[in-house]
Amino acid sequence: MNDSTKIMNEVYQMADLNHTRVKFGHTVMNGFSVIEEFNVCRGADLKGNFRSDFMSIFVVTEGQGEISLNMEDIAIKENSLIHISPNMLLGPLPENQSLSISGLSFTSDFIAEIGLPEGTSEVFSYFSSKFFPVWDLIPEDAALVKRQIRLLVERTKKYAIHPYGKEILIHGFYIFLFEIGALAQKYTQMTRLSFSRQESLVIKFSNLAQHQFREIRTVKTYADQLNVSAKYLTEVVKEYSGKNASEIINDLVILEAKFLLSKSQLSIGQIAERLHFSDQSFFGKYFKRQTGLSPKSFRESDF
């Protein structure tokens, strides 16, 4: 492996943020961190050219300059909102550049643990590669984002001392996502007008899976809708997303199942029916194979 390949494949993990690279002072749940008015100087805290294993949403509170995302230099300034998706390649800040940012980072494991309310998955569609990763917010919208981040900071401080600290923090996170989703409809721009055939295939598959995962779990059925073979679809999705098609479908199903188990009063049998499993037993075996827990054990555990 040559040096450039090594750099491109280096993964910047959540643990780096929480323990070594950046001292995120507000971390109370695994896979979740929130910062406020954090000064990022070149070389001081973040290594250059890395891929993260988490999603980040930051707003610039002071300063201006450039950020390198997927090897493209993008101008940022005060009130710019930056969203960084997992596996996105980040470069170092230019020399003599200093920025202050507020925002949060979270992993897919954190999302899987807390579950997502209905409609939230649409928010994440705005963070795909087809949309521009930087939004220049008007001052009123930037103030709204900063206010939500401030509330999350306060909720992390109260996490251990409030009897419902965890629940308040999680619901505050949901509110933050919905506010970002509302802004996304206003600020998102297509990165370009055309995509390669493979990129278009991945986007179409992702859209289909988001809408049909409750009813359809076989890669072949999606492949038939897209007029390609299941083998080709799996290979292309793996190349562009890091996961094969079946893993993405399973992730969506398990995420929904965990949400229904932890946030609804539906019986396990009703959840199995809602997710179009033939019976409760088959759903239980599927869930345990994916998570290591039975649906009943998951529901009874402190997730």
C-alpha atoms as a PDB file:
ATOM      1  CA  MET A   1       0.000   0.000   0.000  1.00  0.00           C
ATOM      2  CA  ASN A   2       1.533   3.365  -1.005  1.00  0.00           C
ATOM      3  CA  ASP A   3       1.382   6.473   1.184  1.00  0.00           C
ATOM      4  CA  SER A   4      -1.452   8.125  -0.741  1.00  0.00           C
ATOM      5  CA  THR A   5      -3.621   5.016  -0.496  1.00  0.00           C
ATOM      6  CA  LYS A   6      -2.888   4.773   3.210  1.00  0.00           C
ATOM      7  CA  ILE A   7      -3.980   8.369   3.729  1.00  0.00           C
ATOM      8  CA  MET A   8      -7.141   7.908   1.688  1.00  0.00           C
ATOM      9  CA  ASN A   9      -8.118   4.846   3.713  1.00  0.00           C
ATOM     10  CA  GLU A  10      -7.324   6.285   7.141  1.00  0.00           C
ATOM     11  CA  VAL A  11     -10.430   6.486   9.283  1.00  0.00           C
ATOM     12  CA  TYR A  12     -10.864   9.217  11.852  1.00  0.00           C
ATOM     13  CA  GLN A  13     -12.966   7.571  14.551  1.00  0.00           C
ATOM     14  CA  MET A  14     -15.350   8.954  17.111  1.00  0.00           C
ATOM     15  CA  ALA A  15     -12.907   7.865  19.806  1.00  0.00           C
ATOM     16  CA  ASP A  16     -10.384  10.316  18.365  1.00  0.00           C
ATOM     17  CA  LEU A  17     -12.809  13.137  19.043  1.00  0.00           C
ATOM     18  CA  ASN A  18     -13.792  11.963  22.496  1.00  0.00           C
ATOM     19  CA  HIS A  19     -10.404  10.988  23.901  1.00  0.00           C
ATOM     20  CA  THR A  20      -7.347  12.005  21.943  1.00  0.00           C
ATOM     21  CA  ARG A  21      -7.520  14.488  19.110  1.00  0.00           C
ATOM     22  CA  VAL A  22     -10.198  16.959  20.120  1.00  0.00           C
ATOM     23  CA  LYS A  23     -11.297  17.409  23.711  1.00  0.00           C
ATOM     24  CA  PHE A  24     -15.041  17.483  23.153  1.00  0.00           C
ATOM     25  CA  GLY A  25     -16.210  18.537  26.606  1.00  0.00           C
ATOM     26  CA  HIS A  26     -19.803  17.401  26.229  1.00  0.00           C
ATOM     27  CA  THR A  27     -19.926  13.646  25.642  1.00  0.00           C
ATOM     28  CA  VAL A  28     -22.344  11.602  27.730  1.00  0.00           C
ATOM     29  CA  MET A  29     -23.575   8.881  25.366  1.00  0.00           C
ATOM     30  CA  ASN A  30     -21.448   6.568  23.252  1.00  0.00           C
ATOM     31  CA  GLY A  31     -21.172   7.844  19.703  1.00  0.00           C
ATOM     32  CA  PHE A  32     -22.447  11.363  20.428  1.00  0.00           C
ATOM     33  CA  SER A  33     -20.538  14.609  21.024  1.00  0.00           C
ATOM     34  CA  VAL A  34     -21.528  18.265  20.978  1.00  0.00           C
ATOM     35  CA  ILE A  35     -19.219  21.291  20.985  1.00  0.00           C
ATOM     36  CA  GLU A  36     -19.711  25.028  21.233  1.00  0.00           C
ATOM     37  CA  GLU A  37     -17.368  27.803  20.095  1.00  0.00           C
ATOM     38  CA  PHE A  38     -14.525  25.360  19.448  1.00  0.00           C
ATOM     39  CA  ASN A  39     -11.456  26.898  17.804  1.00  0.00           C
ATOM     40  CA  VAL A  40      -9.987  24.749  15.038  1.00  0.00           C
ATOM     41  CA  CYS A  41      -6.460  25.779  14.049  1.00  0.00           C
ATOM     42  CA  ARG A  42      -4.409  24.127  11.364  1.00  0.00           C
ATOM     43  CA  GLY A  43      -2.496  21.189  12.772  1.00  0.00           C
ATOM     44  CA  ALA A  44      -3.526  21.861  16.367  1.00  0.00           C
ATOM     45  CA  ASP A  45      -6.198  19.230  16.751  1.00  0.00           C
ATOM     46  CA  LEU A  46      -7.172  17.536  13.509  1.00  0.00           C
ATOM     47  CA  LYS A  47      -4.857  15.483  11.353  1.00  0.00           C
ATOM     48  CA  GLY A  48      -4.908  16.148   7.625  1.00  0.00           C
ATOM     49  CA  ASN A  49      -6.547  13.953   5.001  1.00  0.00           C
ATOM     50  CA  PHE A  50      -8.791  11.538   6.858  1.00  0.00           C
ATOM     51  CA  ARG A  51     -12.139   9.820   6.592  1.00  0.00           C
ATOM     52  CA  SER A  52     -14.499   9.896   9.550  1.00  0.00           C
ATOM     53  CA  ASP A  53     -16.652   7.024  10.777  1.00  0.00           C
ATOM     54  CA  PHE A  54     -19.335   9.436  11.998  1.00  0.00           C
ATOM     55  CA  MET A  55     -21.608  12.236  10.788  1.00  0.00           C
ATOM     56  CA  SER A  56     -20.967  15.834  11.818  1.00  0.00           C
ATOM     57  CA  ILE A  57     -23.049  18.999  11.482  1.00  0.00           C
ATOM     58  CA  PHE A  58     -21.207  22.221  12.297  1.00  0.00           C
ATOM     59  CA  VAL A  59     -21.870  25.930  11.929  1.00  0.00           C
ATOM     60  CA  VAL A  60     -19.019  28.448  11.661  1.00  0.00           C
ATOM     61  CA  THR A  61     -19.395  30.952  14.490  1.00  0.00           C
ATOM     62  CA  GLU A  62     -16.319  33.045  13.694  1.00  0.00           C
ATOM     63  CA  GLY A  63     -13.727  33.326  10.930  1.00  0.00           C
ATOM     64  CA  GLN A  64     -13.606  32.443   7.270  1.00  0.00           C
ATOM     65  CA  GLY A  65     -11.489  30.381   4.914  1.00  0.00           C
ATOM     66  CA  GLU A  66     -11.651  27.059   3.088  1.00  0.00           C
ATOM     67  CA  ILE A  67     -12.380  23.451   3.919  1.00  0.00           C
ATOM     68  CA  SER A  68     -11.365  20.474   1.784  1.00  0.00           C
ATOM     69  CA  LEU A  69     -14.172  17.927   1.360  1.00  0.00           C
ATOM     70  CA  ASN A  70     -13.647  14.983  -0.974  1.00  0.00           C
ATOM     71  CA  MET A  71     -10.591  16.776  -2.382  1.00  0.00           C
ATOM     72  CA  GLU A  72     -12.618  19.875  -3.300  1.00  0.00           C
ATOM     73  CA  ASP A  73     -11.756  23.213  -1.661  1.00  0.00           C
ATOM     74  CA  ILE A  74     -14.924  24.968  -0.508  1.00  0.00           C
ATOM     75  CA  ALA A  75     -15.106  28.512   0.854  1.00  0.00           C
ATOM     76  CA  ILE A  76     -16.670  28.831   4.301  1.00  0.00           C
ATOM     77  CA  LYS A  77     -17.403  31.845   6.462  1.00  0.00           C
ATOM     78  CA  GLU A  78     -19.327  32.873   9.549  1.00  0.00           C
ATOM     79  CA  ASN A  79     -22.792  31.237   9.480  1.00  0.00           C
ATOM     80  CA  SER A  80     -21.741  28.543   7.001  1.00  0.00           C
ATOM     81  CA  LEU A  81     -23.245  25.182   7.959  1.00  0.00           C
ATOM     82  CA  ILE A  82     -21.109  22.154   7.077  1.00  0.00           C
ATOM     83  CA  HIS A  83     -22.380  18.584   7.093  1.00  0.00           C
ATOM     84  CA  ILE A  84     -19.818  15.795   6.951  1.00  0.00           C
ATOM     85  CA  SER A  85     -21.013  12.304   6.130  1.00  0.00           C
ATOM     86  CA  PRO A  86     -19.294   9.036   7.097  1.00  0.00           C
ATOM     87  CA  ASN A  87     -16.409   8.134   4.763  1.00  0.00           C
ATOM     88  CA  MET A  88     -16.181  11.675   3.390  1.00  0.00           C
ATOM     89  CA  LEU A  89     -12.533  12.621   2.816  1.00  0.00           C
ATOM     90  CA  LEU A  90     -11.448  15.705   4.758  1.00  0.00           C
ATOM     91  CA  GLY A  91      -8.268  17.649   4.132  1.00  0.00           C
ATOM     92  CA  PRO A  92      -6.323  19.929   6.509  1.00  0.00           C
ATOM     93  CA  LEU A  93      -7.193  23.586   6.930  1.00  0.00           C
ATOM     94  CA  PRO A  94      -5.005  25.983   4.922  1.00  0.00           C
ATOM     95  CA  GLU A  95      -2.056  27.543   6.705  1.00  0.00           C
ATOM     96  CA  ASN A  96      -2.729  30.541   8.968  1.00  0.00           C
ATOM     97  CA  GLN A  97      -6.458  29.807   8.985  1.00  0.00           C
ATOM     98  CA  SER A  98      -8.425  29.770  12.219  1.00  0.00           C
ATOM     99  CA  LEU A  99     -12.128  29.076  12.664  1.00  0.00           C
ATOM    100  CA  SER A 100     -14.529  28.715  15.551  1.00  0.00           C
ATOM    101  CA  ILE A 101     -17.309  26.182  15.162  1.00  0.00           C
ATOM    102  CA  SER A 102     -20.272  24.823  17.074  1.00  0.00           C
ATOM    103  CA  GLY A 103     -21.962  21.546  16.262  1.00  0.00           C
ATOM    104  CA  LEU A 104     -22.327  17.874  16.935  1.00  0.00           C
ATOM    105  CA  SER A 105     -21.064  14.497  15.767  1.00  0.00           C
ATOM    106  CA  PHE A 106     -22.779  11.133  16.011  1.00  0.00           C
ATOM    107  CA  THR A 107     -22.284   7.591  14.771  1.00  0.00           C
ATOM    108  CA  SER A 108     -24.633   5.101  13.151  1.00  0.00           C
ATOM    109  CA  ASP A 109     -24.397   3.039  16.359  1.00  0.00           C
ATOM    110  CA  PHE A 110     -25.765   6.004  18.317  1.00  0.00           C
ATOM    111  CA  ILE A 111     -28.678   6.290  15.886  1.00  0.00           C
ATOM    112  CA  ALA A 112     -29.303   2.553  16.124  1.00  0.00           C
ATOM    113  CA  GLU A 113     -29.323   2.791  19.920  1.00  0.00           C
ATOM    114  CA  ILE A 114     -31.812   5.637  20.258  1.00  0.00           C
ATOM    115  CA  GLY A 115     -33.964   4.915  17.199  1.00  0.00           C
ATOM    116  CA  LEU A 116     -35.418   7.590  14.944  1.00  0.00           C
ATOM    117  CA  PRO A 117     -38.969   8.963  14.882  1.00  0.00           C
ATOM    118  CA  GLU A 118     -40.981   8.671  11.691  1.00  0.00           C
ATOM    119  CA  GLY A 119     -39.902  11.143   9.029  1.00  0.00           C
ATOM    120  CA  THR A 120     -36.374  11.638  10.322  1.00  0.00           C
ATOM    121  CA  SER A 121     -34.836   9.347   7.709  1.00  0.00           C
ATOM    122  CA  GLU A 122     -35.802  11.929   5.078  1.00  0.00           C
ATOM    123  CA  VAL A 123     -33.497  14.414   6.805  1.00  0.00           C
ATOM    124  CA  PHE A 124     -30.489  12.190   6.154  1.00  0.00           C
ATOM    125  CA  SER A 125     -31.257  12.051   2.427  1.00  0.00           C
ATOM    126  CA  TYR A 126     -30.117  15.681   2.243  1.00  0.00           C
ATOM    127  CA  PHE A 127     -26.636  14.617   3.350  1.00  0.00           C
ATOM    128  CA  SER A 128     -26.009  12.338   0.374  1.00  0.00           C
ATOM    129  CA  SER A 129     -23.312  12.987  -2.222  1.00  0.00           C
ATOM    130  CA  LYS A 130     -25.811  14.533  -4.636  1.00  0.00           C
ATOM    131  CA  PHE A 131     -26.182  17.635  -2.451  1.00  0.00           C
ATOM    132  CA  PHE A 132     -23.649  20.366  -1.727  1.00  0.00           C
ATOM    133  CA  PRO A 133     -22.139  19.884   1.778  1.00  0.00           C
ATOM    134  CA  VAL A 134     -22.014  23.571   2.778  1.00  0.00           C
ATOM    135  CA  TRP A 135     -24.976  25.891   3.273  1.00  0.00           C
ATOM    136  CA  ASP A 136     -24.501  29.643   3.741  1.00  0.00           C
ATOM    137  CA  LEU A 137     -27.191  30.431   6.292  1.00  0.00           C
ATOM    138  CA  ILE A 138     -28.788  33.824   6.787  1.00  0.00           C
ATOM    139  CA  PRO A 139     -28.136  35.204  10.295  1.00  0.00           C
ATOM    140  CA  GLU A 140     -31.607  34.263  11.578  1.00  0.00           C
ATOM    141  CA  ASP A 141     -31.215  30.628  10.513  1.00  0.00           C
ATOM    142  CA  ALA A 142     -27.667  30.450  11.868  1.00  0.00           C
ATOM    143  CA  ALA A 143     -28.950  31.793  15.191  1.00  0.00           C
ATOM    144  CA  LEU A 144     -31.578  29.034  15.256  1.00  0.00           C
ATOM    145  CA  VAL A 145     -28.930  26.335  14.737  1.00  0.00           C
ATOM    146  CA  LYS A 146     -26.655  27.850  17.384  1.00  0.00           C
ATOM    147  CA  ARG A 147     -29.578  28.004  19.806  1.00  0.00           C
ATOM    148  CA  GLN A 148     -30.342  24.307  19.290  1.00  0.00           C
ATOM    149  CA  ILE A 149     -26.663  23.439  19.826  1.00  0.00           C
ATOM    150  CA  ARG A 150     -26.634  25.515  23.039  1.00  0.00           C
ATOM    151  CA  LEU A 151     -29.676  23.581  24.268  1.00  0.00           C
ATOM    152  CA  LEU A 152     -27.934  20.283  23.516  1.00  0.00           C
ATOM    153  CA  VAL A 153     -24.885  21.444  25.467  1.00  0.00           C
ATOM    154  CA  GLU A 154     -27.110  22.287  28.437  1.00  0.00           C
ATOM    155  CA  ARG A 155     -28.870  18.933  28.170  1.00  0.00           C
ATOM    156  CA  THR A 156     -25.586  17.035  28.194  1.00  0.00           C
ATOM    157  CA  LYS A 157     -24.588  18.886  31.370  1.00  0.00           C
ATOM    158  CA  LYS A 158     -27.844  17.841  33.041  1.00  0.00           C
ATOM    159  CA  TYR A 159     -27.732  14.297  31.685  1.00  0.00           C
ATOM    160  CA  ALA A 160     -26.444  12.657  34.860  1.00  0.00           C
ATOM    161  CA  ILE A 161     -28.349  14.743  37.407  1.00  0.00           C
ATOM    162  CA  HIS A 162     -31.813  14.989  35.846  1.00  0.00           C
ATOM    163  CA  PRO A 163     -34.087  11.957  36.376  1.00  0.00           C
ATOM    164  CA  TYR A 164     -35.019  12.085  32.685  1.00  0.00           C
ATOM    165  CA  GLY A 165     -31.704  13.424  31.418  1.00  0.00           C
ATOM    166  CA  LYS A 166     -31.263  10.767  28.743  1.00  0.00           C
ATOM    167  CA  GLU A 167     -34.789  11.173  27.392  1.00  0.00           C
ATOM    168  CA  ILE A 168     -34.504  14.970  27.301  1.00  0.00           C
ATOM    169  CA  LEU A 169     -31.178  14.792  25.459  1.00  0.00           C
ATOM    170  CA  ILE A 170     -32.484  12.299  22.901  1.00  0.00           C
ATOM    171  CA  HIS A 171     -35.597  14.331  22.175  1.00  0.00           C
ATOM    172  CA  GLY A 172     -33.465  17.472  21.933  1.00  0.00           C
ATOM    173  CA  PHE A 173     -31.406  15.656  19.302  1.00  0.00           C
ATOM    174  CA  TYR A 174     -34.603  14.780  17.419  1.00  0.00           C
ATOM    175  CA  ILE A 175     -35.652  18.452  17.452  1.00  0.00           C
ATOM    176  CA  PHE A 176     -32.224  19.455  16.142  1.00  0.00           C
ATOM    177  CA  LEU A 177     -32.565  16.990  13.246  1.00  0.00           C
ATOM    178  CA  PHE A 178     -36.022  18.265  12.327  1.00  0.00           C
ATOM    179  CA  GLU A 179     -34.774  21.872  12.359  1.00  0.00           C
ATOM    180  CA  ILE A 180     -31.870  20.872  10.099  1.00  0.00           C
ATOM    181  CA  GLY A 181     -34.321  19.023   7.837  1.00  0.00           C
ATOM    182  CA  ALA A 182     -36.445  22.153   7.502  1.00  0.00           C
ATOM    183  CA  LEU A 183     -33.368  24.215   6.615  1.00  0.00           C
ATOM    184  CA  ALA A 184     -32.278  21.555   4.125  1.00  0.00           C
ATOM    185  CA  GLN A 185     -35.382  22.155   2.033  1.00  0.00           C
ATOM    186  CA  LYS A 186     -34.342  25.797   1.807  1.00  0.00           C
ATOM    187  CA  TYR A 187     -30.589  25.507   1.303  1.00  0.00           C
ATOM    188  CA  THR A 188     -29.755  22.226  -0.437  1.00  0.00           C
ATOM    189  CA  GLN A 189     -28.269  22.433  -3.897  1.00  0.00           C
ATOM    190  CA  MET A 190     -27.379  19.655  -6.291  1.00  0.00           C
ATOM    191  CA  THR A 191     -23.611  19.309  -6.547  1.00  0.00           C
ATOM    192  CA  ARG A 192     -23.910  18.804 -10.281  1.00  0.00           C
ATOM    193  CA  LEU A 193     -26.587  18.185 -12.880  1.00  0.00           C
ATOM    194  CA  SER A 194     -25.443  14.760 -14.021  1.00  0.00           C
ATOM    195  CA  PHE A 195     -24.092  11.621 -12.397  1.00  0.00           C
ATOM    196  CA  SER A 196     -22.296   8.600 -13.680  1.00  0.00           C
ATOM    197  CA  ARG A 197     -24.435   5.552 -14.380  1.00  0.00           C
ATOM    198  CA  GLN A 198     -23.129   3.851 -11.250  1.00  0.00           C
ATOM    199  CA  GLU A 199     -23.741   6.890  -9.022  1.00  0.00           C
ATOM    200  CA  SER A 200     -27.278   7.212 -10.378  1.00  0.00           C
ATOM    201  CA  LEU A 201     -27.867   3.536  -9.642  1.00  0.00           C
ATOM    202  CA  VAL A 202     -26.751   3.932  -6.020  1.00  0.00           C
ATOM    203  CA  ILE A 203     -28.967   7.007  -5.568  1.00  0.00           C
ATOM    204  CA  LYS A 204     -31.979   5.239  -7.068  1.00  0.00           C
ATOM    205  CA  PHE A 205     -31.403   2.155  -4.926  1.00  0.00           C
ATOM    206  CA  SER A 206     -31.063   4.287  -1.793  1.00  0.00           C
ATOM    207  CA  ASN A 207     -34.325   6.082  -2.540  1.00  0.00           C
ATOM    208  CA  LEU A 208     -36.146   2.811  -3.227  1.00  0.00           C
ATOM    209  CA  ALA A 209     -34.803   1.200  -0.063  1.00  0.00           C
ATOM    210  CA  GLN A 210     -35.811   4.167   2.091  1.00  0.00           C
ATOM    211  CA  HIS A 211     -39.406   3.813   0.897  1.00  0.00           C
ATOM    212  CA  GLN A 212     -39.745   0.041   0.487  1.00  0.00           C
ATOM    213  CA  PHE A 213     -37.593  -1.623   3.176  1.00  0.00           C
ATOM    214  CA  ARG A 214     -40.652  -2.484   5.276  1.00  0.00           C
ATOM    215  CA  GLU A 215     -42.090  -4.580   2.468  1.00  0.00           C
ATOM    216  CA  ILE A 216     -39.017  -5.643   0.483  1.00  0.00           C
ATOM    217  CA  ARG A 217     -35.829  -7.154   1.897  1.00  0.00           C
ATOM    218  CA  THR A 218     -34.408  -9.027  -1.091  1.00  0.00           C
ATOM    219  CA  VAL A 219     -31.708  -7.427  -3.214  1.00  0.00           C
ATOM    220  CA  LYS A 220     -33.037  -9.170  -6.325  1.00  0.00           C
ATOM    221  CA  THR A 221     -36.396  -7.392  -6.074  1.00  0.00           C
ATOM    222  CA  TYR A 222     -34.672  -4.012  -5.974  1.00  0.00           C
ATOM    223  CA  ALA A 223     -32.332  -5.070  -8.780  1.00  0.00           C
ATOM    224  CA  ASP A 224     -35.307  -6.082 -10.930  1.00  0.00           C
ATOM    225  CA  GLN A 225     -36.869  -2.654 -10.415  1.00  0.00           C
ATOM    226  CA  LEU A 226     -33.587  -1.058 -11.479  1.00  0.00           C
ATOM    227  CA  ASN A 227     -33.094  -3.421 -14.445  1.00  0.00           C
ATOM    228  CA  VAL A 228     -29.734  -4.745 -13.264  1.00  0.00           C
ATOM    229  CA  SER A 229     -28.564  -8.036 -11.783  1.00  0.00           C
ATOM    230  CA  ALA A 230     -28.474  -8.483  -8.022  1.00  0.00           C
ATOM    231  CA  LYS A 231     -24.729  -9.180  -8.226  1.00  0.00           C
ATOM    232  CA  TYR A 232     -24.034  -5.943 -10.108  1.00  0.00           C
ATOM    233  CA  LEU A 233     -26.200  -3.880  -7.735  1.00  0.00           C
ATOM    234  CA  THR A 234     -24.407  -5.323  -4.711  1.00  0.00           C
ATOM    235  CA  GLU A 235     -20.969  -4.592  -6.187  1.00  0.00           C
ATOM    236  CA  VAL A 236     -21.776  -1.000  -7.175  1.00  0.00           C
ATOM    237  CA  VAL A 237     -23.446  -0.136  -3.876  1.00  0.00           C
ATOM    238  CA  LYS A 238     -20.479  -1.629  -2.003  1.00  0.00           C
ATOM    239  CA  GLU A 239     -18.021   0.424  -4.050  1.00  0.00           C
ATOM    240  CA  TYR A 240     -19.771   3.738  -3.415  1.00  0.00           C
ATOM    241  CA  SER A 241     -21.125   3.279   0.116  1.00  0.00           C
ATOM    242  CA  GLY A 242     -18.788   0.789   1.792  1.00  0.00           C
ATOM    243  CA  LYS A 243     -21.718  -1.549   2.479  1.00  0.00           C
ATOM    244  CA  ASN A 244     -23.365  -4.042   0.177  1.00  0.00           C
ATOM    245  CA  ALA A 245     -27.020  -3.683  -0.761  1.00  0.00           C
ATOM    246  CA  SER A 246     -28.312  -6.299   1.671  1.00  0.00           C
ATOM    247  CA  GLU A 247     -26.487  -4.635   4.582  1.00  0.00           C
ATOM    248  CA  ILE A 248     -28.145  -1.316   3.783  1.00  0.00           C
ATOM    249  CA  ILE A 249     -31.580  -2.949   3.648  1.00  0.00           C
ATOM    250  CA  ASN A 250     -30.954  -4.795   6.909  1.00  0.00           C
ATOM    251  CA  ASP A 251     -29.743  -1.599   8.602  1.00  0.00           C
ATOM    252  CA  LEU A 252     -32.976   0.166   7.643  1.00  0.00           C
ATOM    253  CA  VAL A 253     -35.132  -2.717   8.869  1.00  0.00           C
ATOM    254  CA  ILE A 254     -33.287  -3.043  12.188  1.00  0.00           C
ATOM    255  CA  LEU A 255     -33.311   0.718  12.752  1.00  0.00           C
ATOM    256  CA  GLU A 256     -37.093   0.771  12.294  1.00  0.00           C
ATOM    257  CA  ALA A 257     -37.546  -2.339  14.438  1.00  0.00           C
ATOM    258  CA  LYS A 258     -35.488  -0.850  17.276  1.00  0.00           C
ATOM    259  CA  PHE A 259     -37.480   2.358  17.117  1.00  0.00           C
ATOM    260  CA  LEU A 260     -40.805   0.514  17.253  1.00  0.00           C
ATOM    261  CA  LEU A 261     -39.615  -1.727  20.076  1.00  0.00           C
ATOM    262  CA  SER A 262     -38.354   1.143  22.211  1.00  0.00           C
ATOM    263  CA  LYS A 263     -40.729   3.986  21.328  1.00  0.00           C
ATOM    264  CA  SER A 264     -44.113   2.365  20.626  1.00  0.00           C
ATOM    265  CA  GLN A 265     -46.681   0.312  22.521  1.00  0.00           C
ATOM    266  CA  LEU A 266     -47.019  -2.186  19.677  1.00  0.00           C
ATOM    267  CA  SER A 267     -46.634  -5.836  20.580  1.00  0.00           C
ATOM    268  CA  ILE A 268     -43.727  -7.752  19.048  1.00  0.00           C
ATOM    269  CA  GLY A 269     -46.231  -9.584  16.870  1.00  0.00           C
ATOM    270  CA  GLN A 270     -47.675  -6.280  15.626  1.00  0.00           C
ATOM    271  CA  ILE A 271     -44.187  -4.979  14.866  1.00  0.00           C
ATOM    272  CA  ALA A 272     -43.417  -8.155  12.922  1.00  0.00           C
ATOM    273  CA  GLU A 273     -46.614  -7.620  10.947  1.00  0.00           C
ATOM    274  CA  ARG A 274     -45.863  -3.951  10.301  1.00  0.00           C
ATOM    275  CA  LEU A 275     -42.440  -4.903   8.936  1.00  0.00           C
ATOM    276  CA  HIS A 276     -44.021  -7.607   6.772  1.00  0.00           C
ATOM    277  CA  PHE A 277     -42.438 -10.641   8.399  1.00  0.00           C
ATOM    278  CA  SER A 278     -44.373 -13.856   7.910  1.00  0.00           C
ATOM    279  CA  ASP A 279     -44.705 -14.371  11.659  1.00  0.00           C
ATOM    280  CA  GLN A 280     -43.317 -13.258  15.016  1.00  0.00           C
ATOM    281  CA  SER A 281     -40.919 -16.203  15.227  1.00  0.00           C
ATOM    282  CA  PHE A 282     -39.240 -15.363  11.914  1.00  0.00           C
ATOM    283  CA  PHE A 283     -38.969 -11.703  12.927  1.00  0.00           C
ATOM    284  CA  GLY A 284     -37.393 -12.736  16.244  1.00  0.00           C
ATOM    285  CA  LYS A 285     -34.775 -14.908  14.557  1.00  0.00           C
ATOM    286  CA  TYR A 286     -33.978 -12.167  12.015  1.00  0.00           C
ATOM    287  CA  PHE A 287     -33.643  -9.514  14.733  1.00  0.00           C
ATOM    288  CA  LYS A 288     -31.424 -11.688  16.922  1.00  0.00           C
ATOM    289  CA  ARG A 289     -29.189 -12.616  13.970  1.00  0.00           C
ATOM    290  CA  GLN A 290     -28.623  -8.921  13.239  1.00  0.00           C
ATOM    291  CA  THR A 291     -28.299  -7.581  16.803  1.00  0.00           C
ATOM    292  CA  GLY A 292     -27.454 -10.501  19.070  1.00  0.00           C
ATOM    293  CA  LEU A 293     -30.601  -9.856  21.122  1.00  0.00           C
ATOM    294  CA  SER A 294     -34.152 -11.105  20.871  1.00  0.00           C
ATOM    295  CA  PRO A 295     -36.809  -8.398  20.365  1.00  0.00           C
ATOM    296  CA  LYS A 296     -38.075  -9.054  23.904  1.00  0.00           C
ATOM    297  CA  SER A 297     -34.585  -8.707  25.407  1.00  0.00           C
ATOM    298  CA  PHE A 298     -33.968  -5.509  23.452  1.00  0.00           C
ATOM    299  CA  ARG A 299     -37.258  -4.018  24.629  1.00  0.00           C
ATOM    300  CA  GLU A 300     -36.499  -4.894  28.247  1.00  0.00           C
ATOM    301  CA  SER A 301     -32.928  -3.577  28.154  1.00  0.00           C
ATOM    302  CA  ASP A 302     -31.999   0.008  28.915  1.00  0.00           C
ATOM    303  CA  PHE A 303     -31.586   1.342  25.370  1.00  0.00           C
END
